[in-house]
Protein backbone atom coordinates (compact mmCIF):
# COMPACT_ATOMS: atom_id res chain seq x y z
CA ALA A 1 10.77 7.05 4.81
CA PRO A 2 13.47 9.53 4.05
CA ILE A 3 14.64 11.70 6.94
CA PRO A 4 13.58 15.37 6.54
CA GLU A 5 16.34 17.90 5.86
CA ASP A 6 15.42 19.79 9.02
CA GLU A 7 15.34 16.61 11.16
CA GLU A 8 17.53 17.97 13.96
CA LEU A 9 15.39 21.09 14.37
CA ARG A 10 12.16 19.12 13.98
CA TYR A 11 13.20 16.55 16.56
CA GLN A 12 14.39 19.22 18.98
CA ALA A 13 11.05 21.01 18.62
CA LEU A 14 9.31 17.75 19.54
CA VAL A 15 11.58 17.21 22.55
CA ASP A 16 11.03 20.82 23.66
CA THR A 17 7.27 20.22 23.87
CA GLY A 18 7.79 17.71 26.67
CA LEU A 19 5.19 15.46 25.01
CA LEU A 20 7.62 12.55 24.82
CA GLU A 21 8.25 12.65 28.58
CA HIS A 22 4.74 13.60 29.69
CA PRO A 23 2.25 12.66 26.99
CA PRO A 24 -1.36 13.66 27.63
CA VAL A 25 -2.49 10.06 27.17
CA ARG A 26 -6.14 10.78 27.93
CA LEU A 27 -6.32 13.64 25.41
CA PHE A 28 -4.58 11.56 22.75
CA HIS A 29 -6.88 8.61 23.44
CA GLU A 30 -9.98 10.81 23.25
CA THR A 31 -8.73 12.30 19.97
CA ALA A 32 -8.07 8.84 18.55
CA GLN A 33 -11.48 7.57 19.64
CA LYS A 34 -13.18 10.63 18.15
CA ALA A 35 -11.37 10.07 14.83
CA ALA A 36 -12.16 6.35 14.77
CA ASN A 37 -15.82 7.08 15.41
CA ALA A 38 -16.02 9.92 12.88
CA PHE A 39 -14.54 7.78 10.10
CA ASP A 40 -15.99 4.42 11.18
CA VAL A 41 -12.58 2.73 11.30
CA LYS A 42 -11.13 0.21 13.71
CA PHE A 43 -8.04 2.19 14.76
CA ALA A 44 -6.77 5.74 15.10
CA GLN A 45 -3.80 7.26 16.85
CA VAL A 46 -1.72 10.30 17.54
CA SER A 47 1.86 9.58 16.56
CA LEU A 48 4.86 11.53 17.82
CA VAL A 49 7.82 10.74 15.58
CA ALA A 50 11.13 10.74 17.46
CA SER A 51 14.55 9.98 15.99
CA ASP A 52 14.16 6.20 15.90
CA TRP A 53 10.82 5.50 17.61
CA VAL A 54 7.24 6.53 16.92
CA HIS A 55 5.37 7.12 20.18
CA THR A 56 1.65 6.39 20.06
CA PRO A 57 0.41 7.09 23.59
CA GLY A 58 -3.31 6.57 23.99
CA GLY A 59 -3.72 5.16 20.50
CA LEU A 60 -6.28 2.52 19.64
CA LEU A 61 -3.71 0.24 18.02
CA VAL A 62 -1.93 -0.99 21.14
CA ARG A 63 -0.52 -4.51 21.37
CA LYS A 64 -1.61 -6.57 24.36
CA ASP A 65 1.91 -6.48 25.81
CA GLU A 66 2.12 -2.66 25.61
CA ASP A 67 1.24 0.06 28.06
CA ALA A 68 -0.98 2.81 26.60
CA GLU A 69 1.47 5.51 27.72
CA THR A 70 4.61 3.92 26.26
CA ALA A 71 3.10 2.35 23.13
CA GLY A 72 4.86 2.75 19.83
CA LEU A 73 6.91 1.15 17.10
CA PRO A 74 10.25 1.56 15.36
CA ARG A 75 10.31 4.57 13.06
CA ASP A 76 11.39 2.47 10.10
CA GLN A 77 8.17 0.42 10.39
CA SER A 78 5.81 3.40 10.68
CA ILE A 79 3.74 4.87 7.87
CA CYS A 80 3.57 8.07 9.94
CA SER A 81 7.27 8.60 9.20
CA TYR A 82 6.28 9.38 5.62
CA VAL A 83 3.86 12.05 6.80
CA VAL A 84 6.67 13.62 8.83
CA SER A 85 9.18 13.28 6.01
CA ASP A 86 6.94 14.84 3.37
CA GLY A 87 5.05 17.24 5.66
CA VAL A 88 1.73 16.44 3.97
CA GLU A 89 -1.15 14.01 4.31
CA LEU A 90 -0.80 10.44 3.12
CA VAL A 91 -3.52 8.00 2.10
CA VAL A 92 -2.86 4.32 1.47
CA GLU A 93 -6.11 2.68 0.39
CA ASP A 94 -4.70 -0.86 0.41
CA ILE A 95 -1.46 -1.49 2.24
CA ALA A 96 -1.12 -4.95 0.67
CA ARG A 97 -0.86 -3.31 -2.77
CA ASP A 98 1.62 -0.59 -1.79
CA PRO A 99 5.24 -1.73 -2.25
CA ARG A 100 6.42 0.58 0.56
CA PHE A 101 4.25 -1.18 3.15
CA ALA A 102 3.11 -4.56 1.79
CA ASP A 103 5.89 -6.45 3.63
CA ASN A 104 5.72 -4.42 6.85
CA PRO A 105 5.58 -6.95 9.72
CA THR A 106 4.09 -4.51 12.25
CA LEU A 107 1.17 -3.61 9.99
CA ALA A 108 0.60 -7.24 9.01
CA GLN A 109 0.60 -8.40 12.63
CA ALA A 110 -1.95 -5.73 13.56
CA GLY A 111 -4.13 -6.55 10.55
CA VAL A 112 -3.95 -2.99 9.19
CA ARG A 113 -5.00 -2.74 5.53
CA SER A 114 -5.60 1.00 5.05
CA TYR A 115 -4.14 4.22 6.39
CA ALA A 116 -4.81 7.95 6.22
CA GLY A 117 -2.67 10.38 8.17
CA VAL A 118 -2.20 14.12 8.40
CA PRO A 119 0.67 16.09 9.92
CA LEU A 120 0.62 17.51 13.43
CA LYS A 121 2.36 20.86 13.03
CA ASN A 122 3.49 23.22 15.75
CA CYS A 123 2.98 26.98 15.46
CA LYS A 124 6.26 27.24 13.49
CA GLY A 125 5.07 24.70 10.94
CA GLN A 126 7.36 21.90 12.09
CA VAL A 127 5.83 18.44 11.79
CA LEU A 128 5.97 16.71 15.17
CA GLY A 129 3.96 13.65 14.18
CA SER A 130 0.61 12.71 12.73
CA LEU A 131 -3.02 12.03 13.43
CA CYS A 132 -4.03 8.93 11.54
CA ILE A 133 -6.88 6.53 10.99
CA LEU A 134 -6.29 2.88 10.16
CA HIS A 135 -8.64 0.08 9.23
CA ASP A 136 -8.56 -3.69 8.86
CA GLU A 137 -9.99 -3.51 5.33
CA PRO A 138 -8.98 -1.50 2.26
CA ARG A 139 -10.63 1.90 2.42
CA ALA A 140 -10.72 5.00 0.25
CA VAL A 141 -10.65 8.44 1.87
CA SER A 142 -12.44 11.33 0.20
CA ALA A 143 -11.11 14.87 0.00
CA ASP A 144 -13.78 15.95 2.50
CA GLU A 145 -12.75 13.23 4.94
CA LEU A 146 -9.11 14.21 4.61
CA GLU A 147 -10.05 17.82 5.29
CA LEU A 148 -11.97 16.77 8.41
CA LEU A 149 -9.00 14.73 9.65
CA SER A 150 -6.75 17.76 9.09
CA GLU A 151 -9.17 19.95 11.04
CA MET A 152 -9.11 17.43 13.90
CA ALA A 153 -5.29 17.51 13.88
CA GLN A 154 -5.30 21.30 13.95
CA GLU A 155 -7.78 21.31 16.83
CA LEU A 156 -5.56 18.91 18.76
CA MET A 157 -2.49 21.09 18.25
CA GLU A 158 -4.41 24.24 19.22
CA GLY A 159 -5.69 22.45 22.34
CA LEU A 160 -2.16 21.40 23.28
CA GLN A 161 -0.89 24.92 22.74
CA GLU A 162 -3.72 26.43 24.81
CA ALA A 163 -3.17 23.92 27.61
CA ALA A 164 0.57 24.60 27.54
CA SER A 165 -0.07 28.30 27.91
CA LYS A 166 -2.03 27.46 31.07
CA SER A 167 0.92 25.29 32.20
CA SER A 168 -1.12 22.10 32.47
CA LEU A 169 0.59 20.45 29.50
CA PRO A 170 3.99 20.74 27.78
CA ARG A 171 4.56 23.49 25.22
CA THR A 172 4.04 22.87 21.51
CA GLU A 173 6.08 25.75 20.18
């Protein structure tokens, strides 16, 4: 994915949240589980896109050799990087038919065949990462489903901001 023009500011905003150092793994896991259940998919995750690594703490797509808190993948192998780059939702109904992702070894190893992700934006509109659902079969996503996923992402960001204001979690501003 191309790097956004405001990458330095975007990345600094992510660092300033403290989410990379102290991710609320339980909250992210609960959000991922809620999304997977709502959309009847195998996987879901909250992705925080750093400069060269996509952190997926608490996600449902964790390799056996990974710790839930430090899970992730290289940015250049992550579909979520496109969500961050473009700042909008992305739906890939069949990864095997999309030339951007068909040869992606990380997705192939995990058996991921479909993806839908929406941006996680802070209160200034900067995209810090994504909330995404993934499945092991091709899958279409309706406009209503995409709207629901966006609402879930917004609820997550509002929850992080509220918790940060109470000093129990890092700030999302």
